[in-house]
N, C-alpha and C. Protein backbone atom coordinates (compact mmCIF):
# COMPACT_ATOMS: atom_id res chain seq x y z
N MET A 1 -70.08 7.60 35.40
CA MET A 1 -70.08 6.17 35.30
C MET A 1 -69.66 5.72 33.90
N LYS A 2 -70.23 6.36 32.84
CA LYS A 2 -69.87 6.00 31.48
C LYS A 2 -68.40 6.29 31.21
N ILE A 3 -67.85 7.34 31.80
CA ILE A 3 -66.44 7.68 31.59
C ILE A 3 -65.56 6.58 32.19
N ASN A 4 -65.92 6.05 33.36
CA ASN A 4 -65.14 4.98 33.98
C ASN A 4 -65.18 3.71 33.14
N ILE A 5 -66.34 3.39 32.58
CA ILE A 5 -66.47 2.19 31.75
C ILE A 5 -65.59 2.34 30.50
N ILE A 6 -65.63 3.51 29.89
CA ILE A 6 -64.82 3.75 28.69
C ILE A 6 -63.33 3.68 29.05
N LYS A 7 -62.96 4.28 30.20
CA LYS A 7 -61.56 4.27 30.64
C LYS A 7 -61.09 2.84 30.87
N TYR A 8 -61.88 2.02 31.57
CA TYR A 8 -61.49 0.63 31.84
C TYR A 8 -61.47 -0.21 30.56
N ALA A 9 -62.38 0.08 29.66
CA ALA A 9 -62.40 -0.63 28.38
C ALA A 9 -61.14 -0.31 27.57
N LEU A 10 -60.73 0.95 27.55
CA LEU A 10 -59.51 1.33 26.84
C LEU A 10 -58.28 0.71 27.48
N ILE A 11 -58.24 0.66 28.80
CA ILE A 11 -57.11 0.03 29.49
C ILE A 11 -57.07 -1.47 29.15
N ALA A 12 -58.23 -2.12 29.22
CA ALA A 12 -58.30 -3.55 28.92
C ALA A 12 -57.89 -3.82 27.47
N LEU A 13 -58.36 -3.00 26.53
CA LEU A 13 -58.01 -3.15 25.13
C LEU A 13 -56.50 -2.96 24.92
N THR A 14 -55.93 -1.97 25.59
CA THR A 14 -54.48 -1.73 25.49
C THR A 14 -53.70 -2.93 26.00
N VAL A 15 -54.10 -3.49 27.12
CA VAL A 15 -53.42 -4.66 27.69
C VAL A 15 -53.53 -5.85 26.73
N VAL A 16 -54.70 -6.08 26.17
CA VAL A 16 -54.91 -7.20 25.25
C VAL A 16 -54.05 -7.02 23.99
N LEU A 17 -54.05 -5.83 23.41
CA LEU A 17 -53.26 -5.58 22.21
C LEU A 17 -51.75 -5.70 22.49
N PHE A 18 -51.30 -5.15 23.62
CA PHE A 18 -49.90 -5.28 23.99
C PHE A 18 -49.53 -6.75 24.19
N GLY A 19 -50.38 -7.48 24.87
CA GLY A 19 -50.12 -8.91 25.09
C GLY A 19 -50.07 -9.69 23.79
N ALA A 20 -50.97 -9.39 22.87
CA ALA A 20 -50.99 -10.08 21.58
C ALA A 20 -49.72 -9.75 20.80
N PHE A 21 -49.33 -8.48 20.79
CA PHE A 21 -48.10 -8.08 20.11
C PHE A 21 -46.89 -8.77 20.74
N TYR A 22 -46.81 -8.78 22.04
CA TYR A 22 -45.67 -9.37 22.75
C TYR A 22 -45.56 -10.87 22.45
N LEU A 23 -46.69 -11.59 22.52
CA LEU A 23 -46.67 -13.02 22.27
C LEU A 23 -46.30 -13.33 20.81
N THR A 24 -46.82 -12.54 19.90
CA THR A 24 -46.50 -12.75 18.49
C THR A 24 -45.02 -12.50 18.25
N TYR A 25 -44.49 -11.42 18.79
CA TYR A 25 -43.08 -11.08 18.58
C TYR A 25 -42.16 -12.11 19.22
N THR A 26 -42.40 -12.47 20.46
CA THR A 26 -41.48 -13.39 21.14
C THR A 26 -41.58 -14.81 20.60
N SER A 27 -42.73 -15.22 20.09
CA SER A 27 -42.83 -16.59 19.59
C SER A 27 -42.19 -16.76 18.22
N SER A 28 -42.08 -15.66 17.44
CA SER A 28 -41.49 -15.79 16.12
C SER A 28 -40.09 -15.20 16.03
N SER A 29 -39.68 -14.38 16.99
CA SER A 29 -38.40 -13.70 16.87
C SER A 29 -37.21 -14.64 16.96
N TRP A 30 -37.36 -15.79 17.58
CA TRP A 30 -36.24 -16.72 17.66
C TRP A 30 -35.81 -17.21 16.27
N ILE A 31 -36.74 -17.21 15.33
CA ILE A 31 -36.43 -17.66 13.98
C ILE A 31 -35.46 -16.68 13.31
N PHE A 32 -35.63 -15.39 13.57
CA PHE A 32 -34.82 -14.37 12.93
C PHE A 32 -33.96 -13.62 13.93
N SER A 33 -33.54 -14.27 14.98
CA SER A 33 -32.82 -13.59 16.05
C SER A 33 -31.39 -13.25 15.72
N GLY A 34 -30.88 -13.72 14.58
CA GLY A 34 -29.51 -13.43 14.21
C GLY A 34 -28.52 -14.44 14.76
N THR A 35 -28.98 -15.45 15.44
CA THR A 35 -28.07 -16.47 15.92
C THR A 35 -27.66 -17.35 14.74
N THR A 36 -26.54 -17.99 14.85
CA THR A 36 -26.05 -18.81 13.75
C THR A 36 -26.13 -20.28 14.12
N GLU A 37 -27.31 -20.74 14.35
CA GLU A 37 -27.54 -22.15 14.61
C GLU A 37 -27.70 -22.86 13.28
N GLY A 38 -27.25 -24.08 13.19
CA GLY A 38 -27.42 -24.83 11.96
C GLY A 38 -26.29 -24.60 10.99
N VAL A 39 -26.58 -24.70 9.69
CA VAL A 39 -25.56 -24.61 8.66
C VAL A 39 -25.25 -23.14 8.37
N LEU A 40 -23.97 -22.82 8.33
CA LEU A 40 -23.50 -21.48 8.00
C LEU A 40 -22.35 -21.62 7.02
N TYR A 41 -22.37 -20.85 5.94
CA TYR A 41 -21.30 -20.88 4.94
C TYR A 41 -20.49 -19.60 5.08
N THR A 42 -19.21 -19.73 5.17
CA THR A 42 -18.31 -18.57 5.15
C THR A 42 -17.19 -18.89 4.19
N GLY A 43 -16.86 -17.97 3.34
CA GLY A 43 -15.77 -18.18 2.40
C GLY A 43 -14.89 -16.95 2.30
N MET A 44 -13.60 -17.17 2.10
CA MET A 44 -12.64 -16.10 1.98
C MET A 44 -11.64 -16.47 0.89
N VAL A 45 -11.16 -15.46 0.19
CA VAL A 45 -10.19 -15.67 -0.88
C VAL A 45 -8.98 -14.76 -0.63
N CYS A 46 -7.79 -15.35 -0.75
CA CYS A 46 -6.54 -14.60 -0.60
C CYS A 46 -5.75 -14.73 -1.89
N HIS A 47 -5.03 -13.67 -2.25
CA HIS A 47 -4.22 -13.76 -3.47
C HIS A 47 -2.93 -12.97 -3.31
N LYS A 48 -1.91 -13.44 -4.03
CA LYS A 48 -0.62 -12.75 -4.05
C LYS A 48 0.00 -12.93 -5.42
N VAL A 49 0.86 -11.99 -5.78
CA VAL A 49 1.57 -12.03 -7.06
C VAL A 49 3.05 -12.19 -6.77
N THR A 50 3.67 -13.12 -7.46
CA THR A 50 5.12 -13.28 -7.41
C THR A 50 5.65 -12.80 -8.77
N ARG A 51 6.32 -11.68 -8.76
CA ARG A 51 6.84 -11.09 -10.00
C ARG A 51 7.96 -11.95 -10.56
N ALA A 52 8.19 -11.82 -11.86
CA ALA A 52 9.22 -12.61 -12.53
C ALA A 52 10.58 -12.43 -11.87
N GLY A 53 10.84 -11.27 -11.28
CA GLY A 53 12.10 -11.00 -10.61
C GLY A 53 12.18 -11.54 -9.20
N GLY A 54 11.08 -12.15 -8.70
CA GLY A 54 11.06 -12.75 -7.37
C GLY A 54 10.36 -11.94 -6.30
N ALA A 55 10.02 -10.68 -6.57
CA ALA A 55 9.31 -9.86 -5.58
C ALA A 55 7.89 -10.41 -5.38
N VAL A 56 7.46 -10.46 -4.11
CA VAL A 56 6.13 -10.97 -3.77
C VAL A 56 5.26 -9.82 -3.31
N GLU A 57 4.06 -9.70 -3.89
CA GLU A 57 3.08 -8.69 -3.51
C GLU A 57 1.87 -9.41 -2.93
N ASP A 58 1.65 -9.26 -1.63
CA ASP A 58 0.52 -9.92 -0.96
C ASP A 58 -0.65 -8.94 -0.92
N TYR A 59 -1.76 -9.32 -1.52
CA TYR A 59 -2.91 -8.43 -1.62
C TYR A 59 -3.98 -8.71 -0.55
N GLY A 60 -3.71 -9.62 0.36
CA GLY A 60 -4.63 -9.87 1.46
C GLY A 60 -5.79 -10.77 1.09
N CYS A 61 -6.83 -10.73 1.94
CA CYS A 61 -7.97 -11.64 1.80
C CYS A 61 -9.28 -10.84 1.82
N ASP A 62 -10.30 -11.38 1.14
CA ASP A 62 -11.63 -10.78 1.09
C ASP A 62 -12.67 -11.88 1.13
N LYS A 63 -13.88 -11.53 1.60
CA LYS A 63 -14.99 -12.49 1.58
C LYS A 63 -15.41 -12.73 0.14
N ASN A 64 -15.97 -13.92 -0.12
CA ASN A 64 -16.47 -14.19 -1.46
C ASN A 64 -17.99 -14.09 -1.49
N VAL A 65 -18.53 -14.08 -2.68
CA VAL A 65 -19.98 -14.04 -2.90
C VAL A 65 -20.42 -15.44 -3.30
N LEU A 66 -21.26 -16.06 -2.49
CA LEU A 66 -21.84 -17.35 -2.84
C LEU A 66 -23.04 -17.07 -3.73
N THR A 67 -23.04 -17.62 -4.95
CA THR A 67 -24.14 -17.36 -5.87
C THR A 67 -25.39 -18.10 -5.42
N ASN A 68 -26.54 -17.68 -5.92
CA ASN A 68 -27.80 -18.37 -5.60
C ASN A 68 -27.74 -19.82 -6.05
N VAL A 69 -27.13 -20.07 -7.22
CA VAL A 69 -26.99 -21.45 -7.70
C VAL A 69 -26.07 -22.22 -6.75
N GLY A 70 -25.02 -21.57 -6.27
CA GLY A 70 -24.12 -22.20 -5.31
C GLY A 70 -24.82 -22.54 -4.01
N LYS A 71 -25.72 -21.66 -3.56
CA LYS A 71 -26.50 -21.94 -2.35
C LYS A 71 -27.37 -23.17 -2.57
N ASN A 72 -28.01 -23.23 -3.72
CA ASN A 72 -28.86 -24.38 -4.02
C ASN A 72 -28.03 -25.65 -4.15
N HIS A 73 -26.84 -25.54 -4.74
CA HIS A 73 -25.96 -26.70 -4.88
C HIS A 73 -25.55 -27.23 -3.50
N THR A 74 -25.16 -26.31 -2.61
CA THR A 74 -24.78 -26.71 -1.25
C THR A 74 -25.95 -27.36 -0.54
N THR A 75 -27.12 -26.76 -0.65
CA THR A 75 -28.31 -27.32 -0.02
C THR A 75 -28.60 -28.71 -0.57
N SER A 76 -28.50 -28.86 -1.89
CA SER A 76 -28.75 -30.16 -2.51
C SER A 76 -27.76 -31.20 -2.00
N GLN A 77 -26.50 -30.84 -1.91
CA GLN A 77 -25.49 -31.79 -1.45
C GLN A 77 -25.67 -32.15 0.02
N LEU A 78 -26.13 -31.19 0.81
CA LEU A 78 -26.30 -31.44 2.24
C LEU A 78 -27.60 -32.15 2.58
N PHE A 79 -28.68 -31.81 1.87
CA PHE A 79 -29.99 -32.26 2.32
C PHE A 79 -30.74 -33.15 1.34
N SER A 80 -30.27 -33.29 0.11
CA SER A 80 -30.95 -34.16 -0.84
C SER A 80 -30.23 -35.49 -0.91
N GLU A 81 -30.97 -36.49 -1.30
CA GLU A 81 -30.34 -37.79 -1.53
C GLU A 81 -29.54 -37.67 -2.82
N PRO A 82 -28.22 -37.84 -2.76
CA PRO A 82 -27.41 -37.62 -3.97
C PRO A 82 -27.80 -38.55 -5.10
N THR A 83 -27.86 -37.97 -6.29
CA THR A 83 -28.07 -38.77 -7.50
C THR A 83 -26.71 -38.93 -8.16
N ALA A 84 -26.64 -39.70 -9.20
CA ALA A 84 -25.36 -39.89 -9.90
C ALA A 84 -24.81 -38.55 -10.38
N VAL A 85 -25.71 -37.66 -10.85
CA VAL A 85 -25.26 -36.36 -11.35
C VAL A 85 -24.79 -35.47 -10.20
N SER A 86 -25.61 -35.32 -9.16
CA SER A 86 -25.24 -34.40 -8.09
C SER A 86 -24.06 -34.90 -7.29
N ALA A 87 -23.87 -36.21 -7.20
CA ALA A 87 -22.75 -36.74 -6.44
C ALA A 87 -21.42 -36.47 -7.14
N THR A 88 -21.44 -36.31 -8.45
CA THR A 88 -20.20 -36.06 -9.18
C THR A 88 -20.06 -34.61 -9.60
N ASP A 89 -21.06 -33.79 -9.37
CA ASP A 89 -21.02 -32.39 -9.76
C ASP A 89 -20.35 -31.59 -8.64
N ILE A 90 -19.04 -31.78 -8.49
CA ILE A 90 -18.32 -31.19 -7.37
C ILE A 90 -17.64 -29.88 -7.78
N VAL A 91 -17.34 -29.04 -6.80
CA VAL A 91 -16.64 -27.80 -7.05
C VAL A 91 -15.16 -28.14 -7.24
N ASP A 92 -14.72 -28.13 -8.51
CA ASP A 92 -13.35 -28.55 -8.81
C ASP A 92 -12.62 -27.62 -9.77
N SER A 93 -13.20 -26.45 -10.07
CA SER A 93 -12.58 -25.53 -11.02
C SER A 93 -12.45 -24.13 -10.42
N MET A 94 -11.29 -23.51 -10.68
CA MET A 94 -11.05 -22.13 -10.26
C MET A 94 -10.77 -21.31 -11.51
N VAL A 95 -11.38 -20.14 -11.60
CA VAL A 95 -11.24 -19.28 -12.77
C VAL A 95 -10.79 -17.89 -12.34
N LEU A 96 -10.27 -17.14 -13.30
CA LEU A 96 -9.90 -15.74 -13.10
C LEU A 96 -10.73 -14.88 -14.04
N GLY A 97 -10.89 -13.61 -13.70
CA GLY A 97 -11.63 -12.69 -14.54
C GLY A 97 -11.06 -11.29 -14.46
N ASN A 98 -11.58 -10.41 -15.32
CA ASN A 98 -11.13 -9.02 -15.32
C ASN A 98 -12.28 -8.08 -15.65
N THR A 99 -13.27 -8.09 -14.78
CA THR A 99 -14.43 -7.23 -15.00
C THR A 99 -15.04 -6.85 -13.65
N SER A 100 -16.31 -6.53 -13.65
CA SER A 100 -16.98 -6.09 -12.43
C SER A 100 -17.08 -7.21 -11.39
N ALA A 101 -17.36 -6.82 -10.16
CA ALA A 101 -17.45 -7.77 -9.05
C ALA A 101 -18.57 -8.78 -9.28
N PRO A 102 -18.32 -10.04 -8.95
CA PRO A 102 -19.37 -11.07 -9.07
C PRO A 102 -20.57 -10.74 -8.18
N GLN A 103 -21.75 -11.09 -8.65
CA GLN A 103 -23.00 -10.89 -7.90
C GLN A 103 -23.65 -12.24 -7.63
N ASP A 104 -24.50 -12.29 -6.61
CA ASP A 104 -25.12 -13.58 -6.29
C ASP A 104 -26.09 -14.05 -7.36
N THR A 105 -26.50 -13.18 -8.26
CA THR A 105 -27.41 -13.58 -9.34
C THR A 105 -26.68 -14.04 -10.60
N ASP A 106 -25.34 -13.95 -10.62
CA ASP A 106 -24.57 -14.39 -11.79
C ASP A 106 -24.69 -15.90 -11.97
N THR A 107 -24.77 -16.33 -13.22
CA THR A 107 -24.81 -17.76 -13.52
C THR A 107 -23.52 -18.24 -14.17
N SER A 108 -22.61 -17.31 -14.48
CA SER A 108 -21.28 -17.66 -14.96
C SER A 108 -20.33 -16.56 -14.49
N HIS A 109 -19.05 -16.90 -14.42
CA HIS A 109 -18.09 -15.92 -13.91
C HIS A 109 -17.93 -14.77 -14.90
N PRO A 110 -18.14 -13.53 -14.43
CA PRO A 110 -18.05 -12.39 -15.35
C PRO A 110 -16.61 -12.14 -15.81
N GLY A 111 -16.44 -11.89 -17.10
CA GLY A 111 -15.14 -11.53 -17.66
C GLY A 111 -14.07 -12.60 -17.53
N LYS A 112 -14.47 -13.86 -17.63
CA LYS A 112 -13.55 -14.98 -17.45
C LYS A 112 -12.37 -14.88 -18.41
N VAL A 113 -11.16 -15.01 -17.86
CA VAL A 113 -9.93 -15.00 -18.67
C VAL A 113 -9.65 -16.43 -19.12
N SER A 114 -9.34 -16.61 -20.40
CA SER A 114 -9.10 -17.97 -20.90
C SER A 114 -7.81 -18.08 -21.70
N ASP A 115 -6.96 -17.06 -21.65
CA ASP A 115 -5.72 -17.12 -22.40
C ASP A 115 -4.55 -16.62 -21.55
N CYS A 116 -3.39 -16.49 -22.14
CA CYS A 116 -2.19 -15.96 -21.48
C CYS A 116 -1.74 -16.79 -20.28
N GLY A 117 -2.01 -18.10 -20.32
CA GLY A 117 -1.61 -18.97 -19.22
C GLY A 117 -2.51 -18.86 -18.00
N LEU A 118 -3.63 -18.14 -18.13
CA LEU A 118 -4.52 -17.87 -16.99
C LEU A 118 -5.87 -18.54 -17.16
N ALA A 119 -5.94 -19.59 -17.94
CA ALA A 119 -7.21 -20.29 -18.21
C ALA A 119 -7.71 -21.02 -16.96
N GLU A 120 -8.97 -21.42 -17.02
CA GLU A 120 -9.61 -22.17 -15.93
C GLU A 120 -8.76 -23.36 -15.50
N TYR A 121 -8.62 -23.51 -14.20
CA TYR A 121 -7.91 -24.66 -13.64
C TYR A 121 -8.98 -25.62 -13.14
N SER A 122 -9.06 -26.82 -13.73
CA SER A 122 -10.17 -27.71 -13.41
C SER A 122 -9.75 -29.02 -12.74
N SER A 123 -8.65 -29.00 -12.02
CA SER A 123 -8.25 -30.17 -11.24
C SER A 123 -8.07 -29.77 -9.78
N LEU A 124 -8.95 -28.90 -9.32
CA LEU A 124 -8.86 -28.34 -7.96
C LEU A 124 -9.01 -29.44 -6.92
N SER A 125 -8.15 -29.43 -5.95
CA SER A 125 -8.19 -30.42 -4.87
C SER A 125 -8.35 -29.69 -3.55
N TRP A 126 -9.39 -30.05 -2.80
CA TRP A 126 -9.69 -29.41 -1.51
C TRP A 126 -9.06 -30.22 -0.39
N SER A 127 -8.53 -29.53 0.60
CA SER A 127 -7.99 -30.23 1.77
C SER A 127 -8.55 -29.58 3.03
N SER A 128 -8.68 -30.38 4.07
CA SER A 128 -9.22 -29.84 5.32
C SER A 128 -8.20 -28.92 5.96
N THR A 129 -8.69 -27.93 6.69
CA THR A 129 -7.81 -26.99 7.37
C THR A 129 -7.84 -27.29 8.86
N GLY A 130 -6.72 -27.66 9.38
CA GLY A 130 -6.64 -27.94 10.81
C GLY A 130 -7.46 -29.14 11.19
N THR A 131 -7.98 -29.10 12.40
CA THR A 131 -8.76 -30.22 12.91
C THR A 131 -10.26 -29.93 12.90
N SER A 132 -10.66 -28.82 12.29
CA SER A 132 -12.07 -28.44 12.29
C SER A 132 -12.83 -29.11 11.16
N ASP A 133 -13.93 -29.77 11.49
CA ASP A 133 -14.78 -30.38 10.47
C ASP A 133 -15.43 -29.29 9.63
N GLY A 134 -15.55 -29.54 8.35
CA GLY A 134 -16.25 -28.61 7.47
C GLY A 134 -15.40 -27.45 6.98
N ASN A 135 -14.14 -27.35 7.39
CA ASN A 135 -13.26 -26.27 6.95
C ASN A 135 -12.31 -26.81 5.89
N VAL A 136 -12.35 -26.22 4.69
CA VAL A 136 -11.50 -26.70 3.61
C VAL A 136 -10.81 -25.52 2.93
N THR A 137 -9.75 -25.84 2.20
CA THR A 137 -9.02 -24.83 1.45
C THR A 137 -8.51 -25.44 0.15
N ALA A 138 -8.36 -24.59 -0.84
CA ALA A 138 -7.79 -25.00 -2.13
C ALA A 138 -7.08 -23.79 -2.72
N ASN A 139 -6.01 -24.05 -3.48
CA ASN A 139 -5.32 -22.93 -4.12
C ASN A 139 -4.76 -23.37 -5.46
N HIS A 140 -4.42 -22.37 -6.25
CA HIS A 140 -3.77 -22.63 -7.54
C HIS A 140 -2.88 -21.44 -7.87
N GLN A 141 -1.80 -21.73 -8.57
CA GLN A 141 -0.87 -20.68 -9.01
C GLN A 141 -0.81 -20.68 -10.53
N TRP A 142 -1.12 -19.54 -11.13
CA TRP A 142 -1.03 -19.35 -12.58
C TRP A 142 0.24 -18.59 -12.91
N THR A 143 0.80 -18.84 -14.07
CA THR A 143 1.95 -18.08 -14.57
C THR A 143 1.52 -17.39 -15.86
N SER A 144 1.60 -16.07 -15.86
CA SER A 144 1.20 -15.31 -17.04
C SER A 144 2.19 -15.52 -18.17
N SER A 145 1.67 -15.68 -19.39
CA SER A 145 2.52 -15.79 -20.57
C SER A 145 2.43 -14.53 -21.43
N CYS A 146 1.71 -13.53 -20.95
CA CYS A 146 1.53 -12.28 -21.70
C CYS A 146 1.89 -11.09 -20.80
N ASN A 147 2.06 -9.94 -21.41
CA ASN A 147 2.30 -8.70 -20.67
C ASN A 147 1.01 -7.91 -20.53
N ASN A 148 0.91 -7.15 -19.46
CA ASN A 148 -0.19 -6.22 -19.22
C ASN A 148 -1.56 -6.89 -19.15
N VAL A 149 -1.64 -8.03 -18.49
CA VAL A 149 -2.93 -8.71 -18.31
C VAL A 149 -3.49 -8.28 -16.95
N VAL A 150 -4.67 -7.68 -16.97
CA VAL A 150 -5.31 -7.22 -15.73
C VAL A 150 -6.24 -8.32 -15.22
N VAL A 151 -6.12 -8.65 -13.93
CA VAL A 151 -6.97 -9.65 -13.28
C VAL A 151 -7.50 -9.03 -11.99
N ASN A 152 -8.81 -9.18 -11.75
CA ASN A 152 -9.38 -8.63 -10.51
C ASN A 152 -10.52 -9.46 -9.93
N THR A 153 -10.77 -10.64 -10.47
CA THR A 153 -11.81 -11.52 -9.90
C THR A 153 -11.36 -12.97 -9.98
N THR A 154 -11.97 -13.78 -9.15
CA THR A 154 -11.77 -15.23 -9.21
C THR A 154 -13.11 -15.88 -8.90
N GLY A 155 -13.27 -17.12 -9.35
CA GLY A 155 -14.52 -17.82 -9.12
C GLY A 155 -14.31 -19.31 -9.01
N LEU A 156 -15.31 -19.97 -8.43
CA LEU A 156 -15.32 -21.43 -8.33
C LEU A 156 -16.46 -21.96 -9.19
N GLU A 157 -16.20 -23.06 -9.89
CA GLU A 157 -17.23 -23.70 -10.70
C GLU A 157 -17.20 -25.20 -10.44
N THR A 158 -18.31 -25.85 -10.75
CA THR A 158 -18.36 -27.31 -10.64
C THR A 158 -17.94 -27.90 -11.98
N ASN A 159 -17.70 -29.20 -11.99
CA ASN A 159 -17.32 -29.83 -13.26
C ASN A 159 -18.48 -29.85 -14.24
N GLY A 160 -19.66 -29.50 -13.80
CA GLY A 160 -20.80 -29.34 -14.69
C GLY A 160 -20.98 -27.89 -15.10
N ASP A 161 -19.96 -27.05 -14.86
CA ASP A 161 -19.95 -25.62 -15.19
C ASP A 161 -21.02 -24.83 -14.45
N THR A 162 -21.37 -25.25 -13.25
CA THR A 162 -22.24 -24.46 -12.38
C THR A 162 -21.37 -23.44 -11.66
N TYR A 163 -21.71 -22.17 -11.77
CA TYR A 163 -20.95 -21.10 -11.12
C TYR A 163 -21.31 -21.09 -9.64
N PHE A 164 -20.38 -21.46 -8.79
CA PHE A 164 -20.63 -21.67 -7.37
C PHE A 164 -20.43 -20.40 -6.54
N ALA A 165 -19.28 -19.75 -6.66
CA ALA A 165 -18.98 -18.56 -5.85
C ALA A 165 -17.99 -17.69 -6.59
N GLY A 166 -17.94 -16.41 -6.24
CA GLY A 166 -17.02 -15.48 -6.88
C GLY A 166 -16.44 -14.50 -5.88
N ASN A 167 -15.36 -13.85 -6.28
CA ASN A 167 -14.67 -12.89 -5.43
C ASN A 167 -14.02 -11.83 -6.29
N SER A 168 -14.04 -10.60 -5.82
CA SER A 168 -13.30 -9.53 -6.51
C SER A 168 -12.21 -9.04 -5.58
N PHE A 169 -11.11 -8.60 -6.17
CA PHE A 169 -9.99 -8.12 -5.37
C PHE A 169 -9.34 -6.96 -6.11
N THR A 170 -8.39 -6.31 -5.47
CA THR A 170 -7.67 -5.21 -6.08
C THR A 170 -7.02 -5.68 -7.38
N SER A 171 -7.24 -4.93 -8.45
CA SER A 171 -6.69 -5.30 -9.76
C SER A 171 -5.17 -5.44 -9.71
N VAL A 172 -4.68 -6.49 -10.38
CA VAL A 172 -3.25 -6.67 -10.55
C VAL A 172 -2.97 -6.76 -12.05
N THR A 173 -1.87 -6.15 -12.46
CA THR A 173 -1.45 -6.22 -13.85
C THR A 173 -0.26 -7.15 -13.92
N LEU A 174 -0.44 -8.26 -14.61
CA LEU A 174 0.61 -9.27 -14.71
C LEU A 174 1.42 -9.09 -15.98
N GLN A 175 2.70 -9.30 -15.83
CA GLN A 175 3.62 -9.31 -16.97
C GLN A 175 4.00 -10.78 -17.23
N ALA A 176 4.65 -11.04 -18.34
CA ALA A 176 5.07 -12.40 -18.66
C ALA A 176 5.94 -12.96 -17.53
N ASN A 177 5.64 -14.19 -17.14
CA ASN A 177 6.31 -14.94 -16.08
C ASN A 177 5.95 -14.51 -14.67
N ASP A 178 5.07 -13.52 -14.49
CA ASP A 178 4.54 -13.22 -13.16
C ASP A 178 3.62 -14.36 -12.77
N GLN A 179 3.57 -14.67 -11.49
CA GLN A 179 2.71 -15.74 -10.99
C GLN A 179 1.65 -15.16 -10.06
N LEU A 180 0.42 -15.60 -10.22
CA LEU A 180 -0.68 -15.20 -9.36
C LEU A 180 -1.16 -16.43 -8.61
N THR A 181 -1.11 -16.37 -7.28
CA THR A 181 -1.59 -17.47 -6.44
C THR A 181 -2.89 -17.05 -5.79
N VAL A 182 -3.92 -17.86 -5.94
CA VAL A 182 -5.23 -17.60 -5.33
C VAL A 182 -5.55 -18.76 -4.39
N THR A 183 -5.92 -18.43 -3.16
CA THR A 183 -6.29 -19.44 -2.17
C THR A 183 -7.71 -19.18 -1.69
N TRP A 184 -8.56 -20.19 -1.75
CA TRP A 184 -9.93 -20.13 -1.25
C TRP A 184 -10.00 -20.86 0.08
N TYR A 185 -10.69 -20.27 1.06
CA TYR A 185 -10.98 -20.90 2.34
C TYR A 185 -12.51 -20.97 2.46
N VAL A 186 -13.03 -22.12 2.84
CA VAL A 186 -14.48 -22.28 3.00
C VAL A 186 -14.74 -22.95 4.34
N TRP A 187 -15.67 -22.36 5.12
CA TRP A 187 -16.08 -22.94 6.39
C TRP A 187 -17.57 -23.24 6.30
N ILE A 188 -17.94 -24.47 6.51
CA ILE A 188 -19.36 -24.84 6.62
C ILE A 188 -19.53 -25.43 7.99
N THR A 189 -20.27 -24.73 8.84
CA THR A 189 -20.44 -25.17 10.23
C THR A 189 -21.88 -25.47 10.55
């Protein structure tokens, strides 16, 4: 008789624990289910070099790294009531660099190049891509005024010098009069 009571108690305890685990998992798993409901940021950067002799080298496209500050900036612009400062603190600058890959914890673009005709471009103009809301693109073309300049990163900054996003790509060595074109694509859905 005692063995049956213990057996039924263990079965009942197992059912209760399984039920509690199941309810806890299913009620919270929708939050982390991997679905992309709500706001999603995707960014890609493409670059090509046009050599002084006219040859074009297309280096393809890569995803960019949105910095933590950039995430906060996007959140502020989307969900905060804009203030005079935040309403004018727009992403309007593109930079080049020649160092390690940008990280999400960076607060400024690593190895920023500021000479040889490759200085920060701060009149960036974004345009919508196609008919999709929230999809924008911007590009800039630099012309090198020096020989043997290595470039392997690009970044976006706000006019308040907030480092928004960065990208690393295959290193290119520019000679005088070579042109480097960088195009950023951003999707916010």
